[in-house]
């Protein structure tokens, strides 16, 4: 969106109907694995990578029919702020900290503006879809306490 490039190509998940044959876990075992990984304070993306690499579960949704976030919300262990928004807020805070020391760094000032506009846009999306409260606003001073 903020670059001159035309898009981002990437790998796509193969179209698959039903549970893969090579997965040896059922839904209850996968839910236990997810809860165990949450107790080790892993993020949802880290949990998905661990399930894929160490346990041979290519996709929680393909195996169980439900997304990983469903199991987190079901057991009341989901974070209040979505993970992608948290990562953008962390990035904005580190850029702001850098700009406090390096006032004339115009390139990073521009990148901070771009990151903060992504935060505002993503926040609007999550408020509209009910993932964030309606009165949630991004404020750099209070963002330090959120993350």
N, C-alpha and C. Protein backbone atom coordinates (compact mmCIF):
# COMPACT_ATOMS: atom_id res chain seq x y z
N UNK A 1 0.82 -1.19 0.00
CA UNK A 1 0.00 0.00 0.00
C UNK A 1 0.86 1.26 0.00
N UNK A 2 1.95 1.24 0.76
CA UNK A 2 2.77 2.44 0.87
C UNK A 2 4.06 2.33 0.08
N UNK A 3 4.15 1.39 -0.85
CA UNK A 3 5.36 1.23 -1.63
C UNK A 3 5.04 1.29 -3.10
N UNK A 4 6.08 1.30 -3.92
CA UNK A 4 5.88 1.35 -5.36
C UNK A 4 5.68 -0.03 -5.97
N UNK A 5 5.85 -1.06 -5.18
CA UNK A 5 5.70 -2.41 -5.70
C UNK A 5 4.24 -2.73 -5.96
N UNK A 6 4.01 -3.73 -6.81
CA UNK A 6 2.65 -4.03 -7.24
C UNK A 6 1.91 -4.96 -6.29
N UNK A 7 2.63 -5.71 -5.49
CA UNK A 7 1.93 -6.62 -4.59
C UNK A 7 2.92 -7.51 -3.88
N UNK A 8 2.39 -8.46 -3.19
CA UNK A 8 3.23 -9.38 -2.44
C UNK A 8 2.83 -10.80 -2.82
N UNK A 9 3.76 -11.49 -3.44
CA UNK A 9 3.46 -12.88 -3.78
C UNK A 9 3.90 -13.76 -2.63
N UNK A 10 3.26 -14.87 -2.46
CA UNK A 10 3.61 -15.77 -1.39
C UNK A 10 3.00 -17.12 -1.63
N UNK A 11 3.40 -18.07 -0.83
CA UNK A 11 2.87 -19.42 -1.00
C UNK A 11 1.45 -19.48 -0.47
N UNK A 12 0.67 -20.33 -1.06
CA UNK A 12 -0.72 -20.52 -0.65
C UNK A 12 -0.87 -21.93 -0.10
N UNK A 13 -1.77 -22.10 0.84
CA UNK A 13 -2.06 -23.42 1.37
C UNK A 13 -2.72 -24.25 0.27
N UNK A 14 -2.38 -25.52 0.17
CA UNK A 14 -3.04 -26.34 -0.84
C UNK A 14 -4.51 -26.56 -0.50
N UNK A 15 -5.35 -26.62 -1.53
CA UNK A 15 -6.77 -26.87 -1.31
C UNK A 15 -6.94 -28.31 -0.87
N UNK A 16 -7.51 -28.50 0.30
CA UNK A 16 -7.63 -29.84 0.85
C UNK A 16 -9.01 -30.00 1.46
N UNK A 17 -9.63 -31.12 1.19
CA UNK A 17 -10.94 -31.39 1.78
C UNK A 17 -10.77 -32.40 2.91
N UNK A 18 -10.96 -31.94 4.13
CA UNK A 18 -10.90 -32.84 5.27
C UNK A 18 -9.53 -32.95 5.90
N UNK A 19 -9.45 -33.85 6.85
CA UNK A 19 -8.25 -34.04 7.64
C UNK A 19 -7.19 -34.80 6.83
N UNK A 20 -5.93 -34.34 6.87
CA UNK A 20 -4.86 -35.08 6.19
C UNK A 20 -4.67 -36.46 6.82
N UNK A 21 -4.26 -37.42 6.01
CA UNK A 21 -4.13 -38.80 6.49
C UNK A 21 -2.98 -38.99 7.46
N UNK A 22 -1.94 -38.19 7.33
CA UNK A 22 -0.74 -38.41 8.13
C UNK A 22 -0.80 -37.82 9.54
N UNK A 23 -1.85 -37.08 9.89
CA UNK A 23 -1.96 -36.47 11.21
C UNK A 23 -2.49 -37.51 12.19
N UNK A 24 -1.74 -37.71 13.28
CA UNK A 24 -2.09 -38.76 14.25
C UNK A 24 -2.86 -38.22 15.45
N UNK A 25 -3.17 -36.94 15.47
CA UNK A 25 -3.83 -36.32 16.62
C UNK A 25 -5.30 -36.08 16.31
N UNK A 26 -6.13 -36.17 17.36
CA UNK A 26 -7.53 -35.80 17.19
C UNK A 26 -7.76 -34.41 17.81
N UNK A 27 -8.99 -33.94 17.78
CA UNK A 27 -9.29 -32.57 18.19
C UNK A 27 -8.95 -32.31 19.65
N UNK A 28 -9.27 -33.23 20.55
CA UNK A 28 -9.00 -33.01 21.97
C UNK A 28 -7.50 -32.96 22.26
N UNK A 29 -6.72 -33.79 21.58
CA UNK A 29 -5.27 -33.78 21.78
C UNK A 29 -4.66 -32.48 21.26
N UNK A 30 -5.16 -32.00 20.15
CA UNK A 30 -4.66 -30.74 19.60
C UNK A 30 -5.01 -29.59 20.53
N UNK A 31 -6.20 -29.60 21.10
CA UNK A 31 -6.59 -28.55 22.05
C UNK A 31 -5.68 -28.58 23.27
N UNK A 32 -5.33 -29.76 23.76
CA UNK A 32 -4.40 -29.86 24.90
C UNK A 32 -3.02 -29.33 24.53
N UNK A 33 -2.55 -29.63 23.31
CA UNK A 33 -1.26 -29.10 22.86
C UNK A 33 -1.28 -27.58 22.79
N UNK A 34 -2.38 -27.03 22.28
CA UNK A 34 -2.50 -25.57 22.18
C UNK A 34 -2.45 -24.94 23.56
N UNK A 35 -3.19 -25.50 24.52
CA UNK A 35 -3.20 -24.95 25.87
C UNK A 35 -1.83 -25.08 26.54
N UNK A 36 -1.13 -26.19 26.26
CA UNK A 36 0.21 -26.35 26.83
C UNK A 36 1.16 -25.28 26.28
N UNK A 37 1.05 -25.00 24.98
CA UNK A 37 1.91 -24.00 24.37
C UNK A 37 1.55 -22.59 24.82
N UNK A 38 0.27 -22.35 25.12
CA UNK A 38 -0.14 -21.04 25.64
C UNK A 38 0.44 -20.81 27.04
N UNK A 39 0.46 -21.87 27.85
CA UNK A 39 1.01 -21.74 29.19
C UNK A 39 2.51 -21.44 29.17
N UNK A 40 3.17 -21.80 28.07
CA UNK A 40 4.59 -21.47 27.90
C UNK A 40 4.76 -20.06 27.34
N UNK A 41 3.66 -19.30 27.28
CA UNK A 41 3.62 -17.90 26.84
C UNK A 41 4.06 -17.73 25.39
N UNK A 42 3.54 -18.58 24.51
CA UNK A 42 3.78 -18.45 23.08
C UNK A 42 2.65 -17.67 22.43
N UNK A 43 2.97 -16.92 21.39
CA UNK A 43 1.95 -16.19 20.64
C UNK A 43 1.22 -17.18 19.73
N UNK A 44 0.04 -16.80 19.22
CA UNK A 44 -0.70 -17.70 18.33
C UNK A 44 0.09 -18.11 17.08
N UNK A 45 0.86 -17.21 16.50
CA UNK A 45 1.64 -17.57 15.33
C UNK A 45 2.76 -18.55 15.70
N UNK A 46 3.36 -18.36 16.85
CA UNK A 46 4.40 -19.27 17.32
C UNK A 46 3.81 -20.65 17.62
N UNK A 47 2.58 -20.68 18.14
CA UNK A 47 1.91 -21.95 18.40
C UNK A 47 1.68 -22.69 17.09
N UNK A 48 1.21 -21.99 16.07
CA UNK A 48 0.97 -22.63 14.77
C UNK A 48 2.25 -23.18 14.16
N UNK A 49 3.35 -22.43 14.28
CA UNK A 49 4.64 -22.88 13.75
C UNK A 49 5.13 -24.11 14.51
N UNK A 50 4.96 -24.09 15.84
CA UNK A 50 5.39 -25.23 16.66
C UNK A 50 4.57 -26.47 16.34
N UNK A 51 3.26 -26.31 16.19
CA UNK A 51 2.41 -27.45 15.84
C UNK A 51 2.80 -28.02 14.47
N UNK A 52 3.15 -27.15 13.55
CA UNK A 52 3.53 -27.60 12.22
C UNK A 52 4.89 -28.33 12.24
N UNK A 53 5.88 -27.71 12.89
CA UNK A 53 7.24 -28.23 12.80
C UNK A 53 7.52 -29.39 13.75
N UNK A 54 6.97 -29.36 14.95
CA UNK A 54 7.31 -30.38 15.94
C UNK A 54 6.27 -31.50 16.02
N UNK A 55 5.02 -31.21 15.75
CA UNK A 55 3.97 -32.21 15.92
C UNK A 55 3.38 -32.70 14.60
N UNK A 56 3.79 -32.11 13.48
CA UNK A 56 3.31 -32.57 12.18
C UNK A 56 1.87 -32.24 11.88
N UNK A 57 1.37 -31.15 12.47
CA UNK A 57 -0.01 -30.71 12.21
C UNK A 57 0.08 -29.53 11.24
N UNK A 58 -0.24 -29.72 9.96
CA UNK A 58 -0.03 -28.64 8.99
C UNK A 58 -0.92 -27.43 9.23
N UNK A 59 -2.15 -27.66 9.64
CA UNK A 59 -3.08 -26.57 9.87
C UNK A 59 -4.12 -27.03 10.88
N UNK A 60 -4.31 -26.24 11.92
CA UNK A 60 -5.29 -26.59 12.94
C UNK A 60 -6.69 -26.62 12.33
N UNK A 61 -6.96 -25.69 11.42
CA UNK A 61 -8.29 -25.62 10.81
C UNK A 61 -8.57 -26.84 9.93
N UNK A 62 -7.56 -27.32 9.20
CA UNK A 62 -7.76 -28.50 8.35
C UNK A 62 -8.05 -29.74 9.18
N UNK A 63 -7.40 -29.86 10.33
CA UNK A 63 -7.52 -31.07 11.13
C UNK A 63 -8.79 -31.05 11.99
N UNK A 64 -9.08 -29.90 12.61
CA UNK A 64 -10.19 -29.84 13.56
C UNK A 64 -11.45 -29.21 12.99
N UNK A 65 -11.31 -28.42 11.94
CA UNK A 65 -12.46 -27.70 11.40
C UNK A 65 -12.68 -26.37 12.08
N UNK A 66 -11.85 -26.05 13.07
CA UNK A 66 -11.94 -24.77 13.79
C UNK A 66 -10.56 -24.13 13.81
N UNK A 67 -10.54 -22.80 13.82
CA UNK A 67 -9.26 -22.10 13.83
C UNK A 67 -8.63 -22.13 15.22
N UNK A 68 -7.34 -21.82 15.25
CA UNK A 68 -6.60 -21.81 16.50
C UNK A 68 -7.18 -20.78 17.48
N UNK A 69 -7.61 -19.64 16.96
CA UNK A 69 -8.20 -18.61 17.80
C UNK A 69 -9.47 -19.06 18.50
N UNK A 70 -10.21 -19.98 17.88
CA UNK A 70 -11.42 -20.51 18.51
C UNK A 70 -11.07 -21.20 19.82
N UNK A 71 -10.01 -22.02 19.81
CA UNK A 71 -9.62 -22.74 21.02
C UNK A 71 -9.08 -21.78 22.09
N UNK A 72 -8.42 -20.70 21.66
CA UNK A 72 -7.93 -19.70 22.62
C UNK A 72 -9.09 -18.97 23.28
N UNK A 73 -10.09 -18.58 22.49
CA UNK A 73 -11.25 -17.88 23.04
C UNK A 73 -12.10 -18.81 23.91
N UNK A 74 -12.22 -20.06 23.50
CA UNK A 74 -13.01 -21.04 24.24
C UNK A 74 -12.47 -21.24 25.65
N UNK A 75 -11.15 -21.22 25.79
CA UNK A 75 -10.51 -21.43 27.09
C UNK A 75 -10.10 -20.12 27.78
N UNK A 76 -10.58 -18.98 27.26
CA UNK A 76 -10.33 -17.65 27.85
C UNK A 76 -8.85 -17.34 28.01
N UNK A 77 -8.05 -17.67 26.99
CA UNK A 77 -6.63 -17.35 27.04
C UNK A 77 -6.21 -16.45 25.87
N UNK A 78 -7.18 -15.98 25.09
CA UNK A 78 -6.87 -15.09 23.97
C UNK A 78 -6.51 -13.71 24.51
N UNK A 79 -5.60 -13.03 23.81
CA UNK A 79 -5.20 -11.69 24.25
C UNK A 79 -6.29 -10.68 23.89
N UNK A 80 -6.29 -9.56 24.59
CA UNK A 80 -7.32 -8.54 24.37
C UNK A 80 -7.10 -7.80 23.06
N UNK A 81 -5.83 -7.64 22.67
CA UNK A 81 -5.49 -6.96 21.42
C UNK A 81 -4.99 -8.02 20.44
N UNK A 82 -5.47 -8.04 19.19
CA UNK A 82 -5.01 -9.03 18.22
C UNK A 82 -3.50 -8.95 17.99
N UNK A 83 -2.92 -10.08 17.64
CA UNK A 83 -1.46 -10.20 17.56
C UNK A 83 -0.86 -9.27 16.50
N UNK A 84 -1.48 -9.15 15.34
CA UNK A 84 -0.91 -8.29 14.30
C UNK A 84 -0.91 -6.83 14.72
N UNK A 85 -1.93 -6.41 15.45
CA UNK A 85 -1.98 -5.05 15.94
C UNK A 85 -0.93 -4.82 17.03
N UNK A 86 -0.72 -5.82 17.89
CA UNK A 86 0.32 -5.71 18.92
C UNK A 86 1.70 -5.56 18.29
N UNK A 87 1.96 -6.32 17.23
CA UNK A 87 3.26 -6.24 16.58
C UNK A 87 3.49 -4.87 15.94
N UNK A 88 2.44 -4.30 15.34
CA UNK A 88 2.57 -2.97 14.76
C UNK A 88 2.80 -1.92 15.85
N UNK A 89 2.13 -2.07 16.98
CA UNK A 89 2.31 -1.11 18.09
C UNK A 89 3.73 -1.20 18.63
N UNK A 90 4.26 -2.43 18.78
CA UNK A 90 5.65 -2.59 19.22
C UNK A 90 6.62 -1.91 18.26
N UNK A 91 6.37 -2.08 16.96
CA UNK A 91 7.23 -1.48 15.95
C UNK A 91 7.17 0.04 16.03
N UNK A 92 5.97 0.59 16.21
CA UNK A 92 5.83 2.04 16.31
C UNK A 92 6.53 2.57 17.56
N UNK A 93 6.44 1.84 18.67
CA UNK A 93 7.10 2.28 19.89
C UNK A 93 8.62 2.27 19.74
N UNK A 94 9.15 1.24 19.07
CA UNK A 94 10.60 1.20 18.88
C UNK A 94 11.06 2.30 17.93
N UNK A 95 10.27 2.60 16.92
CA UNK A 95 10.60 3.72 16.02
C UNK A 95 10.53 5.05 16.76
N UNK A 96 9.55 5.20 17.61
CA UNK A 96 9.41 6.45 18.38
C UNK A 96 10.59 6.62 19.33
N UNK A 97 11.03 5.52 19.94
CA UNK A 97 12.19 5.56 20.83
C UNK A 97 13.45 5.95 20.05
N UNK A 98 13.58 5.39 18.84
CA UNK A 98 14.71 5.72 17.98
C UNK A 98 14.69 7.20 17.59
N UNK A 99 13.49 7.72 17.28
CA UNK A 99 13.38 9.11 16.85
C UNK A 99 13.60 10.10 18.00
N UNK A 100 13.40 9.65 19.23
CA UNK A 100 13.72 10.52 20.36
C UNK A 100 15.22 10.79 20.42
N UNK A 101 16.03 9.79 20.07
CA UNK A 101 17.48 9.96 20.08
C UNK A 101 17.99 10.59 18.78
N UNK A 102 17.36 10.26 17.66
CA UNK A 102 17.81 10.71 16.34
C UNK A 102 16.72 11.56 15.71
N UNK A 103 16.70 12.81 16.07
CA UNK A 103 15.60 13.70 15.69
C UNK A 103 15.55 13.94 14.18
N UNK A 104 16.71 13.98 13.52
CA UNK A 104 16.75 14.33 12.10
C UNK A 104 16.63 13.14 11.16
N UNK A 105 16.32 12.00 11.66
CA UNK A 105 16.19 10.80 10.84
C UNK A 105 14.85 10.83 10.13
N UNK A 106 14.86 11.38 8.91
CA UNK A 106 13.60 11.59 8.20
C UNK A 106 13.03 10.29 7.63
N UNK A 107 13.89 9.38 7.25
CA UNK A 107 13.40 8.12 6.68
C UNK A 107 12.59 7.34 7.71
N UNK A 108 13.11 7.26 8.91
CA UNK A 108 12.38 6.53 9.94
C UNK A 108 11.19 7.31 10.47
N UNK A 109 11.23 8.63 10.33
CA UNK A 109 10.05 9.41 10.69
C UNK A 109 8.90 9.07 9.74
N UNK A 110 9.24 8.95 8.46
CA UNK A 110 8.23 8.57 7.46
C UNK A 110 7.74 7.14 7.72
N UNK A 111 8.64 6.23 8.04
CA UNK A 111 8.21 4.85 8.30
C UNK A 111 7.34 4.77 9.55
N UNK A 112 7.62 5.63 10.54
CA UNK A 112 6.76 5.67 11.73
C UNK A 112 5.35 6.16 11.36
N UNK A 113 5.28 7.14 10.48
CA UNK A 113 3.97 7.62 10.03
C UNK A 113 3.20 6.52 9.31
N UNK A 114 3.90 5.74 8.49
CA UNK A 114 3.25 4.66 7.76
C UNK A 114 2.77 3.56 8.71
N UNK A 115 3.59 3.22 9.70
CA UNK A 115 3.21 2.18 10.66
C UNK A 115 2.02 2.64 11.49
N UNK A 116 2.04 3.90 11.91
CA UNK A 116 0.92 4.41 12.71
C UNK A 116 -0.36 4.50 11.89
N UNK A 117 -0.25 4.78 10.59
CA UNK A 117 -1.47 4.79 9.77
C UNK A 117 -2.02 3.38 9.62
N UNK A 118 -1.12 2.38 9.55
CA UNK A 118 -1.57 0.99 9.52
C UNK A 118 -2.27 0.62 10.82
N UNK A 119 -1.75 1.12 11.93
CA UNK A 119 -2.37 0.86 13.24
C UNK A 119 -3.78 1.44 13.28
N UNK A 120 -3.93 2.67 12.81
CA UNK A 120 -5.26 3.31 12.82
C UNK A 120 -6.23 2.56 11.93
N UNK A 121 -5.75 2.15 10.74
CA UNK A 121 -6.62 1.43 9.81
C UNK A 121 -7.03 0.07 10.36
N UNK A 122 -6.07 -0.65 10.94
CA UNK A 122 -6.36 -1.97 11.50
C UNK A 122 -7.24 -1.85 12.74
N UNK A 123 -7.02 -0.79 13.54
CA UNK A 123 -7.87 -0.56 14.71
C UNK A 123 -9.31 -0.30 14.32
N UNK A 124 -9.50 0.46 13.24
CA UNK A 124 -10.85 0.72 12.75
C UNK A 124 -11.52 -0.58 12.31
N UNK A 125 -10.76 -1.45 11.63
CA UNK A 125 -11.29 -2.74 11.18
C UNK A 125 -11.71 -3.60 12.38
N UNK A 126 -10.85 -3.68 13.40
CA UNK A 126 -11.16 -4.52 14.56
C UNK A 126 -12.29 -3.95 15.41
N UNK A 127 -12.43 -2.63 15.47
CA UNK A 127 -13.58 -2.04 16.18
C UNK A 127 -14.87 -2.37 15.45
N UNK A 128 -14.82 -2.30 14.14
CA UNK A 128 -16.01 -2.59 13.34
C UNK A 128 -16.43 -4.05 13.47
N UNK A 129 -15.46 -4.95 13.61
CA UNK A 129 -15.77 -6.38 13.71
C UNK A 129 -15.93 -6.87 15.14
N UNK A 130 -15.81 -5.99 16.11
CA UNK A 130 -16.07 -6.36 17.49
C UNK A 130 -14.89 -6.99 18.23
N UNK A 131 -13.70 -7.00 17.64
CA UNK A 131 -12.54 -7.56 18.33
C UNK A 131 -11.96 -6.57 19.33
N UNK A 132 -12.20 -5.29 19.11
CA UNK A 132 -11.77 -4.23 20.03
C UNK A 132 -12.99 -3.45 20.48
N UNK A 133 -12.94 -2.87 21.68
CA UNK A 133 -14.08 -2.04 22.11
C UNK A 133 -14.22 -0.79 21.23
N UNK A 134 -15.43 -0.28 21.18
CA UNK A 134 -15.72 0.88 20.31
C UNK A 134 -14.93 2.13 20.71
N UNK A 135 -14.58 2.25 21.98
CA UNK A 135 -13.87 3.45 22.42
C UNK A 135 -12.35 3.29 22.36
N UNK A 136 -11.84 2.20 21.77
CA UNK A 136 -10.40 1.98 21.69
C UNK A 136 -9.78 2.94 20.69
N UNK A 137 -8.71 3.59 21.09
CA UNK A 137 -7.95 4.48 20.21
C UNK A 137 -6.47 4.25 20.44
N UNK A 138 -5.68 4.40 19.39
CA UNK A 138 -4.23 4.28 19.51
C UNK A 138 -3.68 5.61 19.97
N UNK A 139 -2.96 5.58 21.06
CA UNK A 139 -2.28 6.75 21.59
C UNK A 139 -0.87 6.32 21.96
N UNK A 140 0.16 6.94 21.39
CA UNK A 140 1.54 6.49 21.65
C UNK A 140 1.93 6.50 23.12
N UNK A 141 1.39 7.44 23.89
CA UNK A 141 1.74 7.51 25.31
C UNK A 141 1.15 6.34 26.11
N UNK A 142 -0.08 5.98 25.78
CA UNK A 142 -0.71 4.87 26.51
C UNK A 142 -0.38 3.51 25.87
N UNK A 143 0.18 3.53 24.66
CA UNK A 143 0.51 2.27 23.98
C UNK A 143 1.63 1.53 24.72
N UNK A 144 2.48 2.26 25.41
CA UNK A 144 3.56 1.62 26.18
C UNK A 144 2.98 0.70 27.24
N UNK A 145 1.84 1.07 27.78
CA UNK A 145 1.21 0.25 28.82
C UNK A 145 0.47 -0.95 28.24
N UNK A 146 -0.01 -0.83 26.98
CA UNK A 146 -0.77 -1.91 26.36
C UNK A 146 0.12 -3.10 26.01
N UNK A 147 1.32 -2.80 25.55
CA UNK A 147 2.16 -3.89 25.03
C UNK A 147 3.18 -4.33 26.03
